[in-house]
Amino acid sequence: MPTVPFRPLPVELDDVRYALGPDSRRRPGVPPGETVELRLADSAVYPGTTRTVWIHVPAAYDTARPAGLLVFQDGWWYLDPDGDVRGGIVLDNLVHDGRLPVMIGVFVDPGVFEDRADPAERKNRNTEYDAADDRYVTFLLTEVVPEVRRRYAVTDDPDRWGVVGGSSGGNCAFTAAWHRPDRFRRVVGFLSSFAQMPGGNPYPAALAGEPRKPLRIFLQAGHRDLGWDRPERNWLAENLRVAAALAEAGYDFRLVLGDGGHNPNHAGVLLPDALRWAWRDAAPSDPATRPPSALPSDPPSGPATDPTTDPTTEGAHR
């Protein structure tokens, strides 16, 4: 049975910042993967939009052995090697250590309308991410994934396909897997914006009313997320409602409740552990060769700087 080291809880919940662990930093001896940048235009699902997609391939990728697939929303924000999340670095480290099967990361920016002058009208992020229908996952499967498969060998095993996002990207990830569990069966959602989905959060009722789907879901919520003490549009409460519905429906899920507000800091710290947990039965390796997990040992350090002044608006994650 693992023992979690003692660390005191912060007294103030508003300005909390967690320290990144070793899997979120470049490590000597871990070869960096290759990143390819694509520009997608002429979308059939979202006409008039263009976007950038980055494909990150760990050094261990072998063309003779199809890799898994992990799709991140808010592409560059989750890939940026100097940012809060550092998804490419995390993939390189976990794959190198044998803690994650070889997995290609696909970092997809939200669409923009480049011909529109008004900045508020240029961004299509909330239209794509907050909808409860299957439009966005259809876009991924018909317009993004084929571009990846043209270049790399990708497995057809849905247990090796995952989808990750934060804020509106978190409920987007949940929605994608909900509609297409035949393709995506691992979900990681950070501070998901279930509270601002048009028509309200559909998932507590859907989870209670539909047969259990073959999904494994990691959720993170924050004590001081948006509207945490309001009766409506309460990000904390809606994440807790989804987690409760997952528990009552018997899903394989994990909820981590952290401190601080609506920013990606805790998500970045948790990403390595979230991926290890999501694929915990897929990549055995010698425990003696594994670096320690970042989560139990890294205490909060210093005040948080929230880069999202209003995450409920378009483009909050960029």
Protein backbone atom coordinates (compact mmCIF):
# COMPACT_ATOMS: atom_id res chain seq x y z
CA MET A 1 0.00 0.00 0.00
CA PRO A 2 1.56 3.35 -1.01
CA THR A 3 2.16 5.94 1.68
CA VAL A 4 1.47 9.57 0.77
CA PRO A 5 3.97 11.92 2.46
CA PHE A 6 2.58 14.48 4.88
CA ARG A 7 2.10 18.00 3.65
CA PRO A 8 0.05 20.75 5.27
CA LEU A 9 -3.03 22.09 3.56
CA PRO A 10 -2.91 25.78 2.61
CA VAL A 11 -5.09 27.98 4.79
CA GLU A 12 -5.92 30.46 2.04
CA LEU A 13 -7.58 28.85 -0.97
CA ASP A 14 -7.57 31.71 -3.48
CA ASP A 15 -3.85 32.17 -4.20
CA VAL A 16 -2.41 28.67 -4.32
CA ARG A 17 0.23 27.50 -6.77
CA TYR A 18 1.46 23.92 -7.05
CA ALA A 19 5.05 23.12 -7.99
CA LEU A 20 5.66 21.07 -11.12
CA GLY A 21 7.11 17.60 -10.64
CA PRO A 22 10.01 15.91 -12.45
CA ASP A 23 7.87 14.48 -15.24
CA SER A 24 6.95 17.99 -16.37
CA ARG A 25 10.58 19.04 -16.93
CA ARG A 26 13.18 18.04 -19.48
CA ARG A 27 15.32 15.30 -17.96
CA PRO A 28 18.85 14.26 -18.93
CA GLY A 29 18.85 11.03 -20.88
CA VAL A 30 15.29 11.41 -22.19
CA PRO A 31 15.41 12.11 -25.93
CA PRO A 32 12.91 14.77 -27.02
CA GLY A 33 10.22 13.75 -29.43
CA GLU A 34 9.48 15.24 -32.84
CA THR A 35 6.81 17.91 -33.24
CA VAL A 36 5.17 18.60 -36.60
CA GLU A 37 2.99 21.66 -37.15
CA LEU A 38 0.00 21.57 -39.52
CA ARG A 39 -2.37 24.27 -40.68
CA LEU A 40 -5.94 23.07 -41.29
CA ALA A 41 -8.35 25.09 -43.40
CA ASP A 42 -11.56 24.53 -45.36
CA SER A 43 -13.24 22.57 -42.59
CA ALA A 44 -16.37 20.70 -43.60
CA VAL A 45 -17.64 20.48 -40.02
CA TYR A 46 -16.85 24.10 -39.09
CA PRO A 47 -16.95 25.96 -42.44
CA GLY A 48 -14.82 29.07 -42.66
CA THR A 49 -12.51 28.20 -39.76
CA THR A 50 -8.79 27.63 -39.81
CA ARG A 51 -6.58 26.27 -37.03
CA THR A 52 -3.15 24.96 -36.16
CA VAL A 53 -2.52 21.38 -35.07
CA TRP A 54 0.72 20.07 -33.62
CA ILE A 55 1.57 16.36 -33.72
CA HIS A 56 4.10 15.32 -31.08
CA VAL A 57 5.75 11.93 -31.52
CA PRO A 58 7.91 10.52 -28.69
CA ALA A 59 11.36 9.24 -29.67
CA ALA A 60 10.35 5.65 -28.88
CA TYR A 61 7.81 5.59 -31.72
CA ASP A 62 8.37 2.66 -34.08
CA THR A 63 6.65 2.59 -37.47
CA ALA A 64 6.24 -1.17 -37.14
CA ARG A 65 4.23 -0.82 -33.90
CA PRO A 66 1.12 1.38 -34.11
CA ALA A 67 1.02 3.99 -31.38
CA GLY A 68 -1.78 5.18 -29.16
CA LEU A 69 -3.41 8.57 -29.69
CA LEU A 70 -3.93 11.38 -27.18
CA VAL A 71 -5.81 14.48 -28.36
CA PHE A 72 -5.39 17.74 -26.43
CA GLN A 73 -7.73 20.70 -26.87
CA ASP A 74 -6.35 24.28 -26.80
CA GLY A 75 -3.35 22.91 -28.66
CA TRP A 76 -0.36 25.20 -28.14
CA TRP A 77 -1.43 26.09 -24.63
CA TYR A 78 -1.08 22.42 -23.66
CA LEU A 79 2.06 21.81 -25.71
CA ASP A 80 4.12 24.92 -24.86
CA PRO A 81 7.33 23.57 -23.25
CA ASP A 82 7.56 26.69 -21.07
CA GLY A 83 3.88 26.76 -20.15
CA ASP A 84 1.86 25.37 -17.29
CA VAL A 85 1.02 21.96 -18.79
CA ARG A 86 3.93 20.95 -21.08
CA GLY A 87 2.15 18.01 -22.65
CA GLY A 88 4.93 17.05 -25.06
CA ILE A 89 7.55 16.93 -22.31
CA VAL A 90 5.23 14.81 -20.16
CA LEU A 91 4.66 12.34 -22.99
CA ASP A 92 8.40 12.09 -23.69
CA ASN A 93 9.19 11.34 -20.03
CA LEU A 94 6.38 8.86 -19.36
CA VAL A 95 6.93 6.91 -22.56
CA HIS A 96 10.69 6.81 -22.00
CA ASP A 97 10.17 5.47 -18.45
CA GLY A 98 7.70 2.80 -19.58
CA ARG A 99 4.90 4.39 -17.58
CA LEU A 100 2.81 5.06 -20.67
CA PRO A 101 2.48 3.10 -23.92
CA VAL A 102 3.98 4.84 -26.92
CA MET A 103 1.44 7.53 -27.65
CA ILE A 104 1.25 10.29 -30.22
CA GLY A 105 0.06 13.61 -28.84
CA VAL A 106 -2.21 15.68 -31.08
CA PHE A 107 -2.57 19.28 -29.91
CA VAL A 108 -5.52 20.97 -31.62
CA ASP A 109 -6.14 24.70 -31.46
CA PRO A 110 -9.74 25.92 -31.59
CA GLY A 111 -10.87 27.30 -34.91
CA VAL A 112 -10.80 30.95 -35.90
CA PHE A 113 -12.52 32.93 -38.65
CA GLU A 114 -9.62 34.83 -40.13
CA ASP A 115 -11.81 36.99 -42.37
CA ARG A 116 -13.68 38.60 -39.48
CA ALA A 117 -12.39 41.90 -38.12
CA ASP A 118 -14.10 41.79 -34.72
CA PRO A 119 -11.85 39.80 -32.32
CA ALA A 120 -14.91 38.49 -30.47
CA GLU A 121 -16.32 37.06 -33.69
CA ARG A 122 -13.06 35.51 -34.88
CA LYS A 123 -12.89 32.81 -32.24
CA ASN A 124 -14.96 29.64 -32.49
CA ARG A 125 -13.73 28.04 -29.27
CA ASN A 126 -16.89 28.02 -27.20
CA THR A 127 -19.06 27.01 -30.16
CA GLU A 128 -16.85 23.97 -30.67
CA TYR A 129 -16.12 23.05 -27.05
CA ASP A 130 -19.30 23.76 -25.09
CA ALA A 131 -21.80 22.01 -27.35
CA ALA A 132 -23.23 18.71 -26.11
CA ASP A 133 -23.60 17.16 -29.58
CA ASP A 134 -21.19 15.02 -31.60
CA ARG A 135 -20.06 17.73 -34.00
CA TYR A 136 -16.62 18.29 -32.50
CA VAL A 137 -15.71 14.61 -32.17
CA THR A 138 -16.85 14.16 -35.77
CA PHE A 139 -14.44 16.94 -36.72
CA LEU A 140 -11.62 15.19 -34.87
CA LEU A 141 -12.32 11.83 -36.48
CA THR A 142 -12.89 13.07 -40.03
CA GLU A 143 -10.49 16.01 -40.32
CA VAL A 144 -7.74 15.75 -37.69
CA VAL A 145 -7.08 12.06 -37.10
CA PRO A 146 -6.76 11.28 -40.84
CA GLU A 147 -3.95 13.85 -41.06
CA VAL A 148 -2.16 12.06 -38.22
CA ARG A 149 -2.65 8.65 -39.78
CA ARG A 150 -1.32 9.85 -43.12
CA ARG A 151 2.01 10.37 -41.39
CA TYR A 152 2.15 7.82 -38.56
CA ALA A 153 0.91 4.36 -37.64
CA VAL A 154 -1.90 4.62 -35.08
CA THR A 155 -3.60 1.70 -33.37
CA ASP A 156 -7.32 1.03 -33.78
CA ASP A 157 -7.60 -0.04 -30.12
CA PRO A 158 -9.94 2.52 -28.46
CA ASP A 159 -8.45 1.72 -25.05
CA ARG A 160 -5.28 3.39 -26.31
CA TRP A 161 -7.06 6.54 -27.48
CA GLY A 162 -7.57 9.41 -25.05
CA VAL A 163 -8.80 13.00 -25.04
CA VAL A 164 -7.67 15.82 -22.72
CA GLY A 165 -8.88 19.34 -22.06
CA GLY A 166 -9.33 22.07 -19.50
CA SER A 167 -12.09 24.58 -18.84
CA SER A 168 -14.39 24.35 -21.89
CA GLY A 169 -11.85 21.92 -23.34
CA GLY A 170 -12.58 19.63 -20.38
CA ASN A 171 -16.28 19.27 -21.05
CA CYS A 172 -15.37 19.03 -24.75
CA ALA A 173 -13.15 16.03 -23.97
CA PHE A 174 -15.94 14.43 -21.94
CA THR A 175 -18.46 15.03 -24.74
CA ALA A 176 -16.16 13.57 -27.40
CA ALA A 177 -15.73 10.31 -25.48
CA TRP A 178 -19.38 10.23 -24.47
CA HIS A 179 -20.51 10.20 -28.10
CA ARG A 180 -17.72 8.02 -29.46
CA PRO A 181 -16.56 5.50 -26.85
CA ASP A 182 -15.83 3.21 -29.77
CA ARG A 183 -12.85 5.52 -30.45
CA PHE A 184 -11.96 7.44 -27.25
CA ARG A 185 -12.07 5.55 -23.93
CA ARG A 186 -9.77 7.62 -21.73
CA VAL A 187 -10.77 11.12 -20.64
CA VAL A 188 -8.86 13.74 -18.67
CA GLY A 189 -10.80 16.91 -17.79
CA PHE A 190 -9.40 19.81 -15.78
CA LEU A 191 -11.76 22.42 -14.27
CA SER A 192 -14.34 21.51 -16.89
CA SER A 193 -16.88 24.19 -17.80
CA PHE A 194 -19.97 22.03 -17.49
CA ALA A 195 -21.64 25.06 -15.91
CA GLN A 196 -21.71 27.06 -19.15
CA MET A 197 -22.86 24.39 -21.59
CA PRO A 198 -25.86 25.71 -23.53
CA GLY A 199 -29.01 24.38 -21.97
CA GLY A 200 -27.18 23.37 -18.79
CA ASN A 201 -24.97 20.50 -17.73
CA PRO A 202 -26.48 17.37 -19.35
CA TYR A 203 -24.25 14.74 -17.79
CA PRO A 204 -25.67 14.05 -14.32
CA ALA A 205 -28.97 13.04 -15.92
CA ALA A 206 -27.33 11.28 -18.86
CA LEU A 207 -25.06 9.24 -16.60
CA ALA A 208 -28.03 8.19 -14.49
CA GLY A 209 -30.26 7.39 -17.43
CA GLU A 210 -28.04 5.61 -19.94
CA PRO A 211 -26.16 2.29 -19.79
CA ARG A 212 -22.60 2.57 -18.54
CA LYS A 213 -20.10 3.27 -21.31
CA PRO A 214 -16.59 1.71 -21.39
CA LEU A 215 -14.84 4.91 -20.26
CA ARG A 216 -12.13 5.69 -17.71
CA ILE A 217 -12.35 9.31 -16.59
CA PHE A 218 -10.03 11.59 -14.61
CA LEU A 219 -11.52 14.87 -13.37
CA GLN A 220 -9.94 17.78 -11.51
CA ALA A 221 -12.00 20.43 -9.73
CA GLY A 222 -10.94 23.51 -7.77
CA HIS A 223 -12.20 24.82 -4.44
CA ARG A 224 -12.14 28.36 -5.81
CA ASP A 225 -13.21 27.72 -9.37
CA LEU A 226 -15.58 30.18 -11.03
CA GLY A 227 -18.80 30.81 -9.11
CA TRP A 228 -17.77 28.43 -6.33
CA ASP A 229 -20.18 30.07 -3.86
CA ARG A 230 -23.06 30.84 -6.23
CA PRO A 231 -26.31 28.91 -6.69
CA GLU A 232 -25.98 29.05 -10.50
CA ARG A 233 -23.11 28.88 -13.01
CA ASN A 234 -20.98 27.25 -10.35
CA TRP A 235 -17.97 25.48 -11.91
CA LEU A 236 -17.05 23.66 -8.69
CA ALA A 237 -20.57 22.37 -8.05
CA GLU A 238 -21.10 21.15 -11.60
CA ASN A 239 -17.83 19.19 -11.60
CA LEU A 240 -18.83 17.63 -8.29
CA ARG A 241 -22.25 16.72 -9.70
CA VAL A 242 -20.64 14.96 -12.65
CA ALA A 243 -18.27 13.12 -10.32
CA ALA A 244 -21.16 12.04 -8.09
CA ALA A 245 -23.10 10.79 -11.10
CA LEU A 246 -20.06 8.84 -12.29
CA ALA A 247 -19.78 7.24 -8.84
CA GLU A 248 -23.45 6.34 -8.69
CA ALA A 249 -23.34 4.84 -12.18
CA GLY A 250 -20.31 2.68 -11.32
CA TYR A 251 -17.77 4.27 -13.66
CA ASP A 252 -14.03 3.83 -13.41
CA PHE A 253 -13.21 7.43 -12.51
CA ARG A 254 -11.02 9.55 -10.29
CA LEU A 255 -11.70 13.02 -8.92
CA VAL A 256 -8.94 15.27 -7.61
CA LEU A 257 -10.16 18.36 -5.75
CA GLY A 258 -7.48 21.00 -5.46
CA ASP A 259 -7.16 24.53 -4.17
CA GLY A 260 -6.91 27.75 -6.14
CA GLY A 261 -9.01 29.23 -8.91
CA HIS A 262 -9.67 28.79 -12.61
CA ASN A 263 -6.16 28.46 -13.99
CA PRO A 264 -4.10 25.62 -15.49
CA ASN A 265 -1.44 25.36 -12.79
CA HIS A 266 -2.85 22.34 -10.95
CA ALA A 267 -3.72 20.68 -14.27
CA GLY A 268 -0.10 20.86 -15.33
CA VAL A 269 1.08 19.30 -12.10
CA LEU A 270 -1.53 16.54 -12.33
CA LEU A 271 -1.15 15.64 -16.00
CA PRO A 272 1.60 13.00 -15.50
CA ASP A 273 -0.35 11.32 -12.71
CA ALA A 274 -3.60 11.55 -14.67
CA LEU A 275 -2.04 9.76 -17.64
CA ARG A 276 -0.37 7.13 -15.46
CA TRP A 277 -3.70 6.46 -13.79
CA ALA A 278 -5.69 6.38 -17.02
CA TRP A 279 -3.34 3.78 -18.53
CA ARG A 280 -2.35 2.12 -15.26
CA ASP A 281 -2.88 -1.38 -16.65
CA ALA A 282 -1.25 -0.79 -20.03
CA ALA A 283 2.44 -0.04 -19.42
CA PRO A 284 4.10 -2.16 -16.71
CA SER A 285 7.73 -1.45 -15.98
CA ASP A 286 10.33 -2.00 -13.27
CA PRO A 287 9.35 0.22 -10.30
CA ALA A 288 13.01 0.70 -9.45
CA THR A 289 13.48 2.66 -12.68
CA ARG A 290 10.54 4.97 -12.18
CA PRO A 291 10.93 8.55 -10.92
CA PRO A 292 8.66 9.46 -8.01
CA SER A 293 5.23 10.87 -8.78
CA ALA A 294 5.03 14.63 -8.65
CA LEU A 295 1.69 14.79 -6.91
CA PRO A 296 2.23 13.59 -3.32
CA SER A 297 5.55 15.28 -2.66
CA ASP A 298 5.26 18.73 -4.23
CA PRO A 299 3.70 21.25 -1.82
CA PRO A 300 2.02 24.40 -3.05
CA SER A 301 4.55 27.17 -3.50
CA GLY A 302 3.79 30.85 -3.68
CA PRO A 303 0.77 32.71 -5.03
CA ALA A 304 -0.86 31.72 -8.26
CA THR A 305 -0.90 34.02 -11.23
CA ASP A 306 -4.14 33.43 -13.13
CA PRO A 307 -3.51 33.99 -16.85
CA THR A 308 -7.22 33.80 -17.67
CA THR A 309 -8.94 37.01 -16.71
CA ASP A 310 -12.34 35.70 -17.79
CA PRO A 311 -12.30 32.00 -18.70
CA THR A 312 -16.01 32.02 -19.53
CA THR A 313 -15.35 33.98 -22.71
CA GLU A 314 -14.03 32.92 -26.09
CA GLY A 315 -10.32 32.25 -26.24
CA ALA A 316 -9.79 32.17 -22.49
CA HIS A 317 -7.28 29.39 -22.81
CA ARG A 318 -4.99 31.26 -25.15
